[in-house]
Protein backbone atom coordinates (compact mmCIF):
# COMPACT_ATOMS: atom_id res chain seq x y z
CA UNK A 1 0.85 21.01 -13.68
CA UNK A 2 -0.43 24.28 -15.27
CA UNK A 3 -0.37 25.18 -18.98
CA UNK A 4 2.80 27.30 -18.79
CA UNK A 5 4.81 24.63 -16.98
CA UNK A 6 3.51 22.00 -19.41
CA UNK A 7 4.65 24.12 -22.37
CA UNK A 8 8.03 24.68 -20.72
CA UNK A 9 8.41 20.94 -20.14
CA UNK A 10 7.55 20.29 -23.79
CA UNK A 11 10.10 22.88 -25.00
CA UNK A 12 12.88 21.47 -22.82
CA UNK A 13 12.15 17.92 -23.96
CA UNK A 14 12.25 19.13 -27.58
CA UNK A 15 15.70 20.64 -27.00
CA UNK A 16 16.88 17.39 -25.41
CA UNK A 17 15.76 15.45 -28.49
CA UNK A 18 17.45 18.05 -30.73
CA UNK A 19 20.71 17.80 -28.75
CA UNK A 20 20.73 14.00 -29.00
CA UNK A 21 19.97 14.23 -32.72
CA UNK A 22 22.88 16.65 -33.28
CA UNK A 23 25.18 14.30 -31.35
CA UNK A 24 24.09 11.40 -33.55
CA UNK A 25 24.63 13.50 -36.70
CA UNK A 26 28.10 14.53 -35.49
CA UNK A 27 29.18 10.91 -34.90
CA UNK A 28 27.71 9.88 -38.27
CA UNK A 29 29.55 12.68 -40.12
CA UNK A 30 32.80 11.85 -38.34
CA UNK A 31 32.53 8.13 -39.08
CA UNK A 32 31.69 8.49 -42.77
CA UNK A 33 34.16 11.39 -43.10
CA UNK A 34 37.06 9.25 -41.93
CA UNK A 35 35.90 6.42 -44.17
CA UNK A 36 35.90 8.71 -47.24
CA UNK A 37 38.89 10.95 -46.47
CA UNK A 38 41.24 8.51 -44.70
CA UNK A 39 39.97 5.29 -46.25
CA UNK A 40 39.29 3.75 -42.79
CA UNK A 41 37.07 0.73 -42.34
CA UNK A 42 33.82 1.40 -40.42
CA UNK A 43 35.07 0.26 -36.97
CA UNK A 44 38.30 2.26 -37.24
CA UNK A 45 36.38 5.31 -38.47
CA UNK A 46 33.90 5.06 -35.60
CA UNK A 47 36.79 4.61 -33.14
CA UNK A 48 38.55 7.72 -34.46
CA UNK A 49 35.34 9.73 -34.28
CA UNK A 50 34.62 8.73 -30.66
CA UNK A 51 38.14 9.45 -29.38
CA UNK A 52 38.14 12.76 -31.26
CA UNK A 53 34.77 14.14 -30.11
CA UNK A 54 35.33 12.87 -26.56
CA UNK A 55 38.89 14.30 -26.51
CA UNK A 56 40.25 11.30 -24.59
CA UNK A 57 43.63 11.51 -26.36
CA UNK A 58 44.13 7.92 -27.45
CA UNK A 59 46.50 7.14 -30.32
CA UNK A 60 45.24 7.34 -33.89
CA UNK A 61 44.60 4.17 -35.82
CA UNK A 62 47.25 5.29 -38.32
CA UNK A 63 49.11 8.55 -39.04
CA UNK A 64 46.78 11.20 -40.48
CA UNK A 65 47.43 12.97 -43.76
CA UNK A 66 46.79 16.69 -44.33
CA UNK A 67 43.12 16.28 -45.29
CA UNK A 68 42.44 14.00 -42.31
CA UNK A 69 44.06 16.51 -39.94
CA UNK A 70 41.91 19.36 -41.29
CA UNK A 71 38.80 17.18 -40.94
CA UNK A 72 39.83 16.22 -37.37
CA UNK A 73 40.20 19.92 -36.42
CA UNK A 74 36.72 20.60 -37.81
CA UNK A 75 35.33 17.61 -35.89
CA UNK A 76 36.90 18.75 -32.59
CA UNK A 77 35.61 22.33 -32.89
CA UNK A 78 32.15 21.15 -33.86
CA UNK A 79 32.02 18.54 -31.08
CA UNK A 80 32.97 21.13 -28.42
CA UNK A 81 30.02 23.29 -29.48
CA UNK A 82 27.55 20.42 -29.67
CA UNK A 83 28.73 18.81 -26.41
CA UNK A 84 28.35 22.16 -24.65
CA UNK A 85 24.80 22.43 -25.96
CA UNK A 86 23.99 18.82 -24.94
CA UNK A 87 25.31 19.33 -21.41
CA UNK A 88 23.43 22.62 -20.94
CA UNK A 89 20.15 21.12 -22.18
CA UNK A 90 20.46 17.99 -20.04
CA UNK A 91 21.32 20.10 -16.98
CA UNK A 92 18.26 22.27 -17.59
CA UNK A 93 16.08 19.20 -18.06
CA UNK A 94 17.22 17.62 -14.80
CA UNK A 95 17.03 20.82 -12.73
CA UNK A 96 14.02 22.61 -14.20
CA UNK A 97 11.58 19.90 -15.28
CA UNK A 98 11.33 17.98 -12.01
CA UNK A 99 12.77 14.83 -13.57
CA UNK A 100 13.74 13.55 -10.12
CA UNK A 101 10.19 14.19 -8.91
CA UNK A 102 8.82 12.22 -11.84
CA UNK A 103 11.08 9.29 -11.02
CA UNK A 104 10.14 9.48 -7.34
CA UNK A 105 6.41 9.45 -8.03
CA UNK A 106 6.81 6.54 -10.44
CA UNK A 107 8.42 4.63 -7.59
CA UNK A 108 5.56 5.61 -5.27
CA UNK A 109 3.04 4.50 -7.89
CA UNK A 110 4.67 1.07 -8.10
CA UNK A 111 4.30 0.75 -4.31
CA UNK A 112 0.62 1.78 -4.50
CA UNK A 113 -0.04 -0.74 -7.27
CA UNK A 114 1.08 -3.54 -4.93
CA UNK A 115 -1.32 -2.54 -2.12
CA UNK A 116 -4.48 -4.45 -1.19
CA UNK A 117 -7.22 -3.57 1.30
CA UNK A 118 -5.73 -0.13 1.94
CA UNK A 119 -7.50 3.14 2.78
CA UNK A 120 -7.64 6.12 0.43
CA UNK A 121 -7.91 9.58 2.00
CA UNK A 122 -9.03 12.35 -0.36
CA UNK A 123 -7.80 15.74 0.85
CA UNK A 124 -5.07 16.49 3.38
CA UNK A 125 -6.65 19.48 5.08
CA UNK A 126 -7.40 19.68 8.80
CA UNK A 127 -9.76 16.70 8.77
CA UNK A 128 -7.67 14.69 6.34
CA UNK A 129 -4.49 15.30 8.32
CA UNK A 130 -6.07 13.98 11.52
CA UNK A 131 -7.59 11.04 9.65
CA UNK A 132 -4.23 9.99 8.21
CA UNK A 133 -2.49 10.36 11.59
CA UNK A 134 -5.07 8.13 13.29
CA UNK A 135 -4.98 5.48 10.58
CA UNK A 136 -1.17 5.39 10.66
CA UNK A 137 -1.18 5.07 14.47
CA UNK A 138 -3.24 1.89 14.02
CA UNK A 139 -0.87 0.50 11.38
CA UNK A 140 -3.22 0.91 8.41
CA UNK A 141 -1.94 1.31 4.84
CA UNK A 142 -2.93 4.76 3.57
CA UNK A 143 -2.83 6.47 0.18
CA UNK A 144 -3.48 10.23 0.08
CA UNK A 145 -4.96 12.11 -2.87
CA UNK A 146 -4.12 15.83 -2.85
CA UNK A 147 -3.91 18.58 -5.47
CA UNK A 148 -2.64 21.60 -3.52
CA UNK A 149 1.13 22.13 -3.84
CA UNK A 150 1.67 23.43 -0.29
CA UNK A 151 -0.10 20.42 1.23
CA UNK A 152 1.81 18.06 -1.07
CA UNK A 153 5.08 19.55 0.19
CA UNK A 154 3.90 18.93 3.76
CA UNK A 155 3.07 15.30 2.98
CA UNK A 156 6.43 14.75 1.27
CA UNK A 157 8.20 15.73 4.49
CA UNK A 158 6.72 12.55 5.99
CA UNK A 159 8.57 9.97 3.91
CA UNK A 160 6.40 7.07 5.04
CA UNK A 161 3.25 8.45 3.38
CA UNK A 162 2.09 7.48 -0.11
CA UNK A 163 0.59 10.27 -2.21
CA UNK A 164 -1.10 10.63 -5.56
CA UNK A 165 -1.02 14.15 -7.01
CA UNK A 166 -4.29 15.03 -8.65
CA UNK A 167 -7.99 15.82 -8.40
CA UNK A 168 -9.89 13.21 -6.37
CA UNK A 169 -13.02 13.84 -8.45
CA UNK A 170 -11.17 12.46 -11.50
CA UNK A 171 -11.65 8.72 -12.06
CA UNK A 172 -8.07 8.39 -13.35
CA UNK A 173 -6.73 9.76 -10.06
CA UNK A 174 -8.85 7.31 -8.05
CA UNK A 175 -7.56 4.44 -10.18
CA UNK A 176 -3.96 5.55 -9.57
CA UNK A 177 -4.71 5.47 -5.83
CA UNK A 178 -5.86 1.85 -6.19
CA UNK A 179 -9.59 2.31 -5.65
CA UNK A 180 -10.38 -1.09 -7.18
CA UNK A 181 -8.34 -2.88 -4.52
CA UNK A 182 -9.03 -0.49 -1.62
CA UNK A 183 -10.89 -1.59 1.46
CA UNK A 184 -12.15 1.90 2.32
CA UNK A 185 -12.14 5.49 1.13
CA UNK A 186 -12.49 8.64 3.23
CA UNK A 187 -13.19 11.91 1.43
CA UNK A 188 -12.58 15.08 3.43
CA UNK A 189 -12.70 17.66 0.64
CA UNK A 190 -13.98 21.12 1.66
CA UNK A 191 -16.73 21.09 -0.98
CA UNK A 192 -19.77 18.85 -0.41
CA UNK A 193 -20.28 18.73 -4.19
CA UNK A 194 -16.76 17.37 -4.68
CA UNK A 195 -17.27 14.80 -1.91
CA UNK A 196 -20.53 13.74 -3.58
CA UNK A 197 -18.73 13.27 -6.90
CA UNK A 198 -15.94 11.26 -5.26
CA UNK A 199 -18.49 8.98 -3.57
CA UNK A 200 -20.39 8.42 -6.83
CA UNK A 201 -17.23 7.62 -8.79
CA UNK A 202 -15.78 5.39 -6.06
CA UNK A 203 -18.99 3.40 -5.70
CA UNK A 204 -19.02 2.71 -9.44
CA UNK A 205 -15.35 1.69 -9.48
CA UNK A 206 -15.54 -0.51 -6.36
CA UNK A 207 -18.95 -1.64 -5.12
CA UNK A 208 -17.50 -3.34 -2.02
CA UNK A 209 -15.40 -0.42 -0.78
CA UNK A 210 -16.51 1.26 2.47
CA UNK A 211 -17.08 4.95 1.70
CA UNK A 212 -16.97 7.63 4.39
CA UNK A 213 -17.57 11.27 3.53
CA UNK A 214 -17.31 14.62 5.26
CA UNK A 215 -20.28 16.98 4.92
CA UNK A 216 -20.68 20.63 5.83
CA UNK A 217 -24.42 21.07 5.28
CA UNK A 218 -27.35 19.07 6.60
CA UNK A 219 -28.86 18.95 3.11
CA UNK A 220 -25.79 17.12 1.79
CA UNK A 221 -26.15 14.25 4.27
CA UNK A 222 -28.99 12.42 2.48
CA UNK A 223 -27.52 13.12 -0.97
CA UNK A 224 -24.25 11.49 0.03
CA UNK A 225 -26.07 8.49 1.49
CA UNK A 226 -28.07 8.06 -1.71
CA UNK A 227 -24.85 8.37 -3.75
CA UNK A 228 -23.44 5.37 -1.89
CA UNK A 229 -21.67 6.68 1.23
CA UNK A 230 -21.73 4.16 4.07
CA UNK A 231 -21.16 6.90 6.64
CA UNK A 232 -21.45 10.68 6.47
CA UNK A 233 -19.67 12.74 9.13
CA UNK A 234 -20.49 16.38 9.92
CA UNK A 235 -17.49 17.73 11.89
CA UNK A 236 -19.23 20.89 13.11
CA UNK A 237 -22.22 18.95 14.41
CA UNK A 238 -20.05 16.31 16.08
CA UNK A 239 -17.77 18.99 17.52
CA UNK A 240 -20.67 20.88 19.07
CA UNK A 241 -22.21 17.74 20.54
CA UNK A 242 -18.80 16.66 21.86
CA UNK A 243 -18.26 19.98 23.66
CA UNK A 244 -21.73 19.76 25.21
CA UNK A 245 -21.12 16.24 26.53
CA UNK A 246 -17.88 17.44 28.14
CA UNK A 247 -20.12 19.53 30.39
CA UNK A 248 -22.73 16.84 30.99
CA UNK A 249 -20.51 13.74 31.35
CA UNK A 250 -16.87 14.93 31.26
CA UNK A 251 -15.22 11.82 32.75
CA UNK A 252 -16.97 9.42 30.38
CA UNK A 253 -16.04 11.50 27.33
CA UNK A 254 -12.42 11.81 28.47
CA UNK A 255 -12.28 8.04 28.94
CA UNK A 256 -13.65 7.43 25.44
CA UNK A 257 -11.24 9.98 23.96
CA UNK A 258 -8.28 8.20 25.51
CA UNK A 259 -9.38 4.94 23.90
CA UNK A 260 -10.05 6.38 20.45
CA UNK A 261 -7.31 9.02 20.17
CA UNK A 262 -4.27 7.48 21.83
CA UNK A 263 -4.47 4.42 19.59
CA UNK A 264 -1.76 1.82 20.06
CA UNK A 265 -0.31 3.58 23.12
CA UNK A 266 -3.44 2.82 25.14
CA UNK A 267 -6.47 0.53 24.90
CA UNK A 268 -7.77 -0.32 21.45
CA UNK A 269 -11.24 -1.08 20.16
CA UNK A 270 -11.26 -3.68 17.42
CA UNK A 271 -13.87 -5.57 15.43
CA UNK A 272 -13.81 -9.32 14.91
CA UNK A 273 -15.46 -10.58 11.71
CA UNK A 274 -17.31 -13.84 12.39
CA UNK A 275 -16.53 -15.26 8.93
CA UNK A 276 -12.80 -15.08 9.72
CA UNK A 277 -13.09 -17.17 12.89
CA UNK A 278 -11.85 -20.78 12.89
CA UNK A 279 -14.53 -23.24 11.75
CA UNK A 280 -15.05 -24.67 15.24
CA UNK A 281 -16.32 -21.33 16.58
CA UNK A 282 -18.86 -20.56 13.86
CA UNK A 283 -22.52 -20.72 14.97
CA UNK A 284 -21.30 -21.01 18.56
CA UNK A 285 -21.91 -18.47 21.32
CA UNK A 286 -19.78 -15.62 22.65
CA UNK A 287 -19.29 -17.73 25.76
CA UNK A 288 -17.78 -20.56 23.66
CA UNK A 289 -15.28 -18.10 22.18
CA UNK A 290 -14.01 -17.27 25.69
CA UNK A 291 -12.05 -14.20 24.55
CA UNK A 292 -11.50 -12.87 28.05
CA UNK A 293 -9.62 -15.97 29.18
CA UNK A 294 -7.70 -16.56 25.92
CA UNK A 295 -6.67 -13.00 25.06
CA UNK A 296 -7.69 -10.68 27.89
CA UNK A 297 -10.00 -8.72 25.55
CA UNK A 298 -13.55 -7.87 26.57
CA UNK A 299 -16.59 -8.01 24.27
CA UNK A 300 -18.42 -4.68 24.44
CA UNK A 301 -20.65 -4.89 21.37
CA UNK A 302 -22.16 -7.11 18.70
CA UNK A 303 -23.29 -6.18 15.19
CA UNK A 304 -26.05 -8.42 13.90
CA UNK A 305 -26.41 -9.47 10.23
CA UNK A 306 -29.19 -6.85 9.85
CA UNK A 307 -26.72 -4.13 11.02
CA UNK A 308 -28.38 -3.76 14.42
CA UNK A 309 -25.91 -3.05 17.23
CA UNK A 310 -26.15 -4.72 20.62
CA UNK A 311 -24.26 -3.06 23.46
CA UNK A 312 -22.80 -5.39 26.10
CA UNK A 313 -24.25 -8.51 24.44
CA UNK A 314 -25.31 -11.58 26.40
CA UNK A 315 -22.70 -14.34 26.58
CA UNK A 316 -25.16 -16.82 25.02
CA UNK A 317 -25.61 -14.73 21.85
CA UNK A 318 -24.91 -16.81 18.74
CA UNK A 319 -22.03 -15.94 16.41
CA UNK A 320 -24.05 -15.75 13.19
CA UNK A 321 -22.61 -15.26 9.68
CA UNK A 322 -22.31 -11.63 8.48
CA UNK A 323 -22.03 -10.38 12.04
CA UNK A 324 -19.17 -8.80 13.99
CA UNK A 325 -17.90 -8.68 17.55
CA UNK A 326 -16.61 -5.41 18.97
CA UNK A 327 -13.92 -5.91 21.60
CA UNK A 328 -11.68 -3.70 23.73
CA UNK A 329 -8.23 -4.51 25.01
CA UNK A 330 -4.69 -3.30 25.53
CA UNK A 331 -2.28 -3.37 22.57
CA UNK A 332 -0.70 -6.67 23.62
CA UNK A 333 -4.15 -8.22 24.14
CA UNK A 334 -5.31 -7.05 20.70
CA UNK A 335 -2.14 -8.49 19.19
CA UNK A 336 -2.85 -11.84 20.83
CA UNK A 337 -6.43 -11.64 19.53
CA UNK A 338 -5.17 -11.29 15.95
CA UNK A 339 -2.73 -14.15 16.44
CA UNK A 340 -5.43 -16.54 17.66
CA UNK A 341 -8.33 -15.45 15.44
C-alpha cells in the first residue's frame, strides 16, 4: 500500500470514528434530555431516544408535553443528519478502503498459520508460475509471496492458492508465510541480489529449510551457495543445455520430460527417506525391501549419507540412516508406496 492510499485509509477511518462518536453523543443528549425535560427514568429515556432517532414509530412511554415535543423534533432532525453522515462514511469505508480484502487476507493468514512442512515460493513471474503449477500438480501445500498488484490479481483468480502480499526480502513477510514451519523455500525473484537476501534471511529464520534459488548470472551461483542455498538454478543455462540435448538424444529427453512435467497424470519419481521406514527394514538391503513386488515401483537411485548419488543401485546395497531411495512408478503405485511405507 503506497503513502497516498495509506493516508486515505487513515482519513476514512478517522471519519468512521467521528461518525460513531457523533452517534454516541446524539443518544447521550437524547437520553439525558428526556430525563431532564420529561422527568423520565433512565431506561424510559433511553427507549424514547432509540425509537425517536431510529424512526421506528413505536408508542411513547407517556404523552409528551410541549417542551418534550419540541425536544423530540430537534432530536429527529439532528438524527437524520447524523445518520446520513454515518451511512455515507461506512459505505465509503467498505467500498473504498478494501475492508473486504482485509478480511479475506486475514482468513488466508489463519490458514497459513496452520500449515506445516509447506513450500514457500517467492515471486510469481514466469519461473514462479511454473513452479507453483508443478508443486500443486503433486499435491504440495504452497504459499506464494508476491508484491506486484497485477500478479496478485492473477493469483487471486485461482482460489485454491494461498498468498502473502509483500516484499520477500522482508523478514516480517517471510514470517507471515510461515518460514519457521516450512519444509522448503523457492525464490524466483528477477534480481539475484534480492534472491541472495531472501536466502540469507530464510536460512537464519529456519536452519532446516531446503532453500532453492534462481540465478541469472554465473557470479551469483557461488554467492547464493555460501549464503545457504541448497540448490541454485540458472534457467538460461538449463534451457540452453536442454535444447541441445533435444538434438543429441531427443527420445530420452522427451521421456524424462513426460515423467517430470506431466506429474500425477503419468509416472512419478519419488524419494523414500530411510528414517521413515518401518523398524524391520532399517539397516536391511534394497532387496529386503522388495518394492517392486509390494508396490510395483522401481528403484532407480540411491542417495548415500555423504550425499553421493548412486544410479541404478545394486539390490544388496544397505539402507543406511540419513540416506534416501529414489523410485519411479505410476500414480497408483506411488500411492501404494506411501500407504505401506
